[in-house]
Amino acid sequence: MKNENEAKAYVYTIAHHIKNEGKDAKSLMVMYIRYEDTLIKKDNRWLFKERDLHIDFIENRSLK
């Protein structure tokens, strides 16, 4: 980036969500996520200017 008060950041995470599917039935949804962030420096602090969410893969599993 040309502006020294702006930066790019990349965050990768795996989110796990347990869902109730009815009586005694649950499932697990696993999401592979990445964020592409643009940050801006203001008053000597880095703040989010823009955040792009990308879900690369979703996996659904039944839980017993």
PDB file of N, CA and C in Angstrom:
ATOM      1  N   MET A   1       0.842  -1.172   0.000  1.00  0.00           N
ATOM      2  CA  MET A   1       0.000   0.000   0.000  1.00  0.00           C
ATOM      3  C   MET A   1       0.889   1.238   0.000  1.00  0.00           C
ATOM      4  N   LYS A   2       0.489   2.241  -0.695  1.00  0.00           N
ATOM      5  CA  LYS A   2       1.269   3.468  -0.770  1.00  0.00           C
ATOM      6  C   LYS A   2       1.104   4.323   0.475  1.00  0.00           C
ATOM      7  N   ASN A   3      -0.071   4.310   1.077  1.00  0.00           N
ATOM      8  CA  ASN A   3      -0.367   5.131   2.242  1.00  0.00           C
ATOM      9  C   ASN A   3       0.132   4.413   3.498  1.00  0.00           C
ATOM     10  N   GLU A   4       1.002   5.066   4.275  1.00  0.00           N
ATOM     11  CA  GLU A   4       1.541   4.426   5.481  1.00  0.00           C
ATOM     12  C   GLU A   4       0.521   4.335   6.610  1.00  0.00           C
ATOM     13  N   ASN A   5      -0.644   4.939   6.444  1.00  0.00           N
ATOM     14  CA  ASN A   5      -1.719   4.856   7.424  1.00  0.00           C
ATOM     15  C   ASN A   5      -2.774   3.822   7.043  1.00  0.00           C
ATOM     16  N   GLU A   6      -2.484   3.006   6.027  1.00  0.00           N
ATOM     17  CA  GLU A   6      -3.371   1.913   5.632  1.00  0.00           C
ATOM     18  C   GLU A   6      -2.565   0.631   5.565  1.00  0.00           C
ATOM     19  N   ALA A   7      -3.238  -0.490   5.868  1.00  0.00           N
ATOM     20  CA  ALA A   7      -2.578  -1.795   5.819  1.00  0.00           C
ATOM     21  C   ALA A   7      -3.595  -2.860   5.430  1.00  0.00           C
ATOM     22  N   LYS A   8      -3.083  -3.972   4.941  1.00  0.00           N
ATOM     23  CA  LYS A   8      -3.914  -5.137   4.635  1.00  0.00           C
ATOM     24  C   LYS A   8      -3.606  -6.217   5.660  1.00  0.00           C
ATOM     25  N   ALA A   9      -4.627  -6.986   6.037  1.00  0.00           N
ATOM     26  CA  ALA A   9      -4.454  -8.091   6.970  1.00  0.00           C
ATOM     27  C   ALA A   9      -5.293  -9.262   6.482  1.00  0.00           C
ATOM     28  N   TYR A  10      -4.794 -10.476   6.734  1.00  0.00           N
ATOM     29  CA  TYR A  10      -5.497 -11.691   6.347  1.00  0.00           C
ATOM     30  C   TYR A  10      -5.640 -12.560   7.590  1.00  0.00           C
ATOM     31  N   VAL A  11      -6.853 -13.006   7.856  1.00  0.00           N
ATOM     32  CA  VAL A  11      -7.144 -13.825   9.028  1.00  0.00           C
ATOM     33  C   VAL A  11      -7.797 -15.116   8.547  1.00  0.00           C
ATOM     34  N   TYR A  12      -7.312 -16.241   9.060  1.00  0.00           N
ATOM     35  CA  TYR A  12      -7.872 -17.547   8.727  1.00  0.00           C
ATOM     36  C   TYR A  12      -8.411 -18.159  10.017  1.00  0.00           C
ATOM     37  N   THR A  13      -9.595 -18.764   9.945  1.00  0.00           N
ATOM     38  CA  THR A  13     -10.173 -19.386  11.135  1.00  0.00           C
ATOM     39  C   THR A  13     -11.054 -20.564  10.733  1.00  0.00           C
ATOM     40  N   ILE A  14     -11.307 -21.428  11.698  1.00  0.00           N
ATOM     41  CA  ILE A  14     -12.244 -22.530  11.522  1.00  0.00           C
ATOM     42  C   ILE A  14     -13.319 -22.363  12.582  1.00  0.00           C
ATOM     43  N   ALA A  15     -14.565 -22.210  12.157  1.00  0.00           N
ATOM     44  CA  ALA A  15     -15.689 -22.014  13.080  1.00  0.00           C
ATOM     45  C   ALA A  15     -16.465 -23.319  13.209  1.00  0.00           C
ATOM     46  N   HIS A  16     -16.812 -23.666  14.442  1.00  0.00           N
ATOM     47  CA  HIS A  16     -17.584 -24.880  14.730  1.00  0.00           C
ATOM     48  C   HIS A  16     -18.933 -24.480  15.306  1.00  0.00           C
ATOM     49  N   HIS A  17     -20.005 -24.975  14.693  1.00  0.00           N
ATOM     50  CA  HIS A  17     -21.363 -24.657  15.134  1.00  0.00           C
ATOM     51  C   HIS A  17     -22.114 -25.957  15.400  1.00  0.00           C
ATOM     52  N   ILE A  18     -22.564 -26.141  16.631  1.00  0.00           N
ATOM     53  CA  ILE A  18     -23.391 -27.306  16.964  1.00  0.00           C
ATOM     54  C   ILE A  18     -24.850 -26.889  16.861  1.00  0.00           C
ATOM     55  N   LYS A  19     -25.614 -27.652  16.101  1.00  0.00           N
ATOM     56  CA  LYS A  19     -27.031 -27.345  15.888  1.00  0.00           C
ATOM     57  C   LYS A  19     -27.901 -28.465  16.438  1.00  0.00           C
ATOM     58  N   ASN A  20     -28.995 -28.096  17.078  1.00  0.00           N
ATOM     59  CA  ASN A  20     -30.004 -29.072  17.495  1.00  0.00           C
ATOM     60  C   ASN A  20     -30.885 -29.380  16.302  1.00  0.00           C
ATOM     61  N   GLU A  21     -31.001 -30.654  15.989  1.00  0.00           N
ATOM     62  CA  GLU A  21     -31.781 -31.087  14.824  1.00  0.00           C
ATOM     63  C   GLU A  21     -33.089 -31.749  15.238  1.00  0.00           C
ATOM     64  N   GLY A  22     -33.435 -31.680  16.493  1.00  0.00           N
ATOM     65  CA  GLY A  22     -34.639 -32.344  16.984  1.00  0.00           C
ATOM     66  C   GLY A  22     -34.292 -33.117  18.241  1.00  0.00           C
ATOM     67  N   LYS A  23     -35.210 -33.960  18.654  1.00  0.00           N
ATOM     68  CA  LYS A  23     -35.008 -34.727  19.877  1.00  0.00           C
ATOM     69  C   LYS A  23     -33.778 -35.635  19.756  1.00  0.00           C
ATOM     70  N   ASP A  24     -32.831 -35.412  20.654  1.00  0.00           N
ATOM     71  CA  ASP A  24     -31.609 -36.222  20.745  1.00  0.00           C
ATOM     72  C   ASP A  24     -30.788 -36.258  19.451  1.00  0.00           C
ATOM     73  N   ALA A  25     -30.973 -35.309  18.580  1.00  0.00           N
ATOM     74  CA  ALA A  25     -30.203 -35.272  17.335  1.00  0.00           C
ATOM     75  C   ALA A  25     -29.487 -33.921  17.227  1.00  0.00           C
ATOM     76  N   LYS A  26     -28.196 -33.998  16.993  1.00  0.00           N
ATOM     77  CA  LYS A  26     -27.386 -32.797  16.831  1.00  0.00           C
ATOM     78  C   LYS A  26     -26.478 -32.957  15.623  1.00  0.00           C
ATOM     79  N   SER A  27     -26.077 -31.839  15.081  1.00  0.00           N
ATOM     80  CA  SER A  27     -25.125 -31.872  13.984  1.00  0.00           C
ATOM     81  C   SER A  27     -24.053 -30.817  14.230  1.00  0.00           C
ATOM     82  N   LEU A  28     -22.935 -31.014  13.580  1.00  0.00           N
ATOM     83  CA  LEU A  28     -21.818 -30.089  13.683  1.00  0.00           C
ATOM     84  C   LEU A  28     -21.547 -29.526  12.300  1.00  0.00           C
ATOM     85  N   MET A  29     -21.541 -28.206  12.197  1.00  0.00           N
ATOM     86  CA  MET A  29     -21.179 -27.543  10.956  1.00  0.00           C
ATOM     87  C   MET A  29     -19.814 -26.895  11.164  1.00  0.00           C
ATOM     88  N   VAL A  30     -18.870 -27.255  10.311  1.00  0.00           N
ATOM     89  CA  VAL A  30     -17.520 -26.699  10.387  1.00  0.00           C
ATOM     90  C   VAL A  30     -17.327 -25.804   9.168  1.00  0.00           C
ATOM     91  N   MET A  31     -16.969 -24.545   9.425  1.00  0.00           N
ATOM     92  CA  MET A  31     -16.781 -23.577   8.343  1.00  0.00           C
ATOM     93  C   MET A  31     -15.326 -23.125   8.317  1.00  0.00           C
ATOM     94  N   TYR A  32     -14.716 -23.204   7.155  1.00  0.00           N
ATOM     95  CA  TYR A  32     -13.347 -22.742   6.959  1.00  0.00           C
ATOM     96  C   TYR A  32     -13.439 -21.345   6.353  1.00  0.00           C
ATOM     97  N   ILE A  33     -13.034 -20.359   7.132  1.00  0.00           N
ATOM     98  CA  ILE A  33     -13.293 -18.951   6.819  1.00  0.00           C
ATOM     99  C   ILE A  33     -11.972 -18.192   6.730  1.00  0.00           C
ATOM    100  N   ARG A  34     -11.961 -17.204   5.850  1.00  0.00           N
ATOM    101  CA  ARG A  34     -10.861 -16.242   5.843  1.00  0.00           C
ATOM    102  C   ARG A  34     -11.429 -14.837   5.662  1.00  0.00           C
ATOM    103  N   TYR A  35     -10.756 -13.904   6.267  1.00  0.00           N
ATOM    104  CA  TYR A  35     -11.125 -12.497   6.165  1.00  0.00           C
ATOM    105  C   TYR A  35      -9.994 -11.750   5.471  1.00  0.00           C
ATOM    106  N   GLU A  36     -10.353 -10.863   4.563  1.00  0.00           N
ATOM    107  CA  GLU A  36      -9.390  -9.943   3.963  1.00  0.00           C
ATOM    108  C   GLU A  36      -9.767  -8.560   4.469  1.00  0.00           C
ATOM    109  N   ASP A  37      -8.897  -8.003   5.309  1.00  0.00           N
ATOM    110  CA  ASP A  37      -9.193  -6.739   5.970  1.00  0.00           C
ATOM    111  C   ASP A  37      -8.338  -5.611   5.415  1.00  0.00           C
ATOM    112  N   THR A  38      -8.926  -4.437   5.373  1.00  0.00           N
ATOM    113  CA  THR A  38      -8.193  -3.203   5.133  1.00  0.00           C
ATOM    114  C   THR A  38      -8.288  -2.402   6.413  1.00  0.00           C
ATOM    115  N   LEU A  39      -7.131  -1.994   6.916  1.00  0.00           N
ATOM    116  CA  LEU A  39      -7.057  -1.259   8.170  1.00  0.00           C
ATOM    117  C   LEU A  39      -6.600   0.165   7.906  1.00  0.00           C
ATOM    118  N   ILE A  40      -7.000   1.061   8.781  1.00  0.00           N
ATOM    119  CA  ILE A  40      -6.578   2.449   8.689  1.00  0.00           C
ATOM    120  C   ILE A  40      -6.108   2.904  10.067  1.00  0.00           C
ATOM    121  N   LYS A  41      -5.021   3.645  10.070  1.00  0.00           N
ATOM    122  CA  LYS A  41      -4.470   4.139  11.330  1.00  0.00           C
ATOM    123  C   LYS A  41      -5.022   5.536  11.603  1.00  0.00           C
ATOM    124  N   LYS A  42      -5.682   5.665  12.762  1.00  0.00           N
ATOM    125  CA  LYS A  42      -6.299   6.939  13.136  1.00  0.00           C
ATOM    126  C   LYS A  42      -6.046   7.151  14.618  1.00  0.00           C
ATOM    127  N   ASP A  43      -5.530   8.313  14.984  1.00  0.00           N
ATOM    128  CA  ASP A  43      -5.210   8.636  16.379  1.00  0.00           C
ATOM    129  C   ASP A  43      -4.308   7.566  17.004  1.00  0.00           C
ATOM    130  N   ASN A  44      -3.330   7.102  16.229  1.00  0.00           N
ATOM    131  CA  ASN A  44      -2.333   6.129  16.666  1.00  0.00           C
ATOM    132  C   ASN A  44      -2.931   4.746  16.989  1.00  0.00           C
ATOM    133  N   ARG A  45      -4.113   4.445  16.433  1.00  0.00           N
ATOM    134  CA  ARG A  45      -4.756   3.132  16.599  1.00  0.00           C
ATOM    135  C   ARG A  45      -5.119   2.592  15.229  1.00  0.00           C
ATOM    136  N   TRP A  46      -5.042   1.274  15.070  1.00  0.00           N
ATOM    137  CA  TRP A  46      -5.455   0.626  13.830  1.00  0.00           C
ATOM    138  C   TRP A  46      -6.922   0.242  13.932  1.00  0.00           C
ATOM    139  N   LEU A  47      -7.709   0.668  12.961  1.00  0.00           N
ATOM    140  CA  LEU A  47      -9.151   0.404  12.922  1.00  0.00           C
ATOM    141  C   LEU A  47      -9.506  -0.281  11.608  1.00  0.00           C
ATOM    142  N   PHE A  48     -10.605  -1.023  11.632  1.00  0.00           N
ATOM    143  CA  PHE A  48     -11.092  -1.648  10.400  1.00  0.00           C
ATOM    144  C   PHE A  48     -11.691  -0.590   9.488  1.00  0.00           C
ATOM    145  N   LYS A  49     -11.244  -0.595   8.261  1.00  0.00           N
ATOM    146  CA  LYS A  49     -11.850   0.244   7.230  1.00  0.00           C
ATOM    147  C   LYS A  49     -12.813  -0.594   6.394  1.00  0.00           C
ATOM    148  N   GLU A  50     -12.399  -1.852   6.114  1.00  0.00           N
ATOM    149  CA  GLU A  50     -13.222  -2.750   5.298  1.00  0.00           C
ATOM    150  C   GLU A  50     -12.882  -4.187   5.671  1.00  0.00           C
ATOM    151  N   ARG A  51     -13.897  -5.055   5.649  1.00  0.00           N
ATOM    152  CA  ARG A  51     -13.684  -6.481   5.929  1.00  0.00           C
ATOM    153  C   ARG A  51     -14.462  -7.297   4.907  1.00  0.00           C
ATOM    154  N   ASP A  52     -13.743  -8.154   4.193  1.00  0.00           N
ATOM    155  CA  ASP A  52     -14.363  -9.068   3.222  1.00  0.00           C
ATOM    156  C   ASP A  52     -14.306 -10.480   3.792  1.00  0.00           C
ATOM    157  N   LEU A  53     -15.467 -11.109   3.899  1.00  0.00           N
ATOM    158  CA  LEU A  53     -15.589 -12.465   4.416  1.00  0.00           C
ATOM    159  C   LEU A  53     -15.631 -13.446   3.254  1.00  0.00           C
ATOM    160  N   HIS A  54     -14.829 -14.501   3.359  1.00  0.00           N
ATOM    161  CA  HIS A  54     -14.815 -15.566   2.352  1.00  0.00           C
ATOM    162  C   HIS A  54     -14.977 -16.896   3.075  1.00  0.00           C
ATOM    163  N   ILE A  55     -16.013 -17.637   2.724  1.00  0.00           N
ATOM    164  CA  ILE A  55     -16.214 -18.978   3.271  1.00  0.00           C
ATOM    165  C   ILE A  55     -15.706 -19.945   2.215  1.00  0.00           C
ATOM    166  N   ASP A  56     -14.596 -20.590   2.533  1.00  0.00           N
ATOM    167  CA  ASP A  56     -13.948 -21.453   1.550  1.00  0.00           C
ATOM    168  C   ASP A  56     -14.559 -22.848   1.486  1.00  0.00           C
ATOM    169  N   PHE A  57     -15.055 -23.338   2.635  1.00  0.00           N
ATOM    170  CA  PHE A  57     -15.565 -24.707   2.645  1.00  0.00           C
ATOM    171  C   PHE A  57     -16.479 -24.869   3.863  1.00  0.00           C
ATOM    172  N   ILE A  58     -17.567 -25.612   3.690  1.00  0.00           N
ATOM    173  CA  ILE A  58     -18.461 -25.945   4.803  1.00  0.00           C
ATOM    174  C   ILE A  58     -18.594 -27.461   4.848  1.00  0.00           C
ATOM    175  N   GLU A  59     -18.417 -28.007   6.041  1.00  0.00           N
ATOM    176  CA  GLU A  59     -18.542 -29.447   6.249  1.00  0.00           C
ATOM    177  C   GLU A  59     -19.621 -29.691   7.300  1.00  0.00           C
ATOM    178  N   ASN A  60     -20.564 -30.581   7.025  1.00  0.00           N
ATOM    179  CA  ASN A  60     -21.621 -30.921   7.963  1.00  0.00           C
ATOM    180  C   ASN A  60     -21.428 -32.352   8.441  1.00  0.00           C
ATOM    181  N   ARG A  61     -21.470 -32.511   9.768  1.00  0.00           N
ATOM    182  CA  ARG A  61     -21.289 -33.832  10.372  1.00  0.00           C
ATOM    183  C   ARG A  61     -22.435 -34.098  11.340  1.00  0.00           C
ATOM    184  N   SER A  62     -22.904 -35.331  11.402  1.00  0.00           N
ATOM    185  CA  SER A  62     -23.915 -35.677  12.394  1.00  0.00           C
ATOM    186  C   SER A  62     -23.191 -36.064  13.683  1.00  0.00           C
ATOM    187  N   LEU A  63     -23.789 -35.697  14.812  1.00  0.00           N
ATOM    188  CA  LEU A  63     -23.239 -36.041  16.111  1.00  0.00           C
ATOM    189  C   LEU A  63     -24.131 -37.085  16.761  1.00  0.00           C
ATOM    190  N   LYS A  64     -23.533 -38.018  17.440  1.00  0.00           N
ATOM    191  CA  LYS A  64     -24.296 -39.077  18.072  1.00  0.00           C
ATOM    192  C   LYS A  64     -24.259 -38.920  19.568  1.00  0.00           C
TER     193      LYS A  64
END
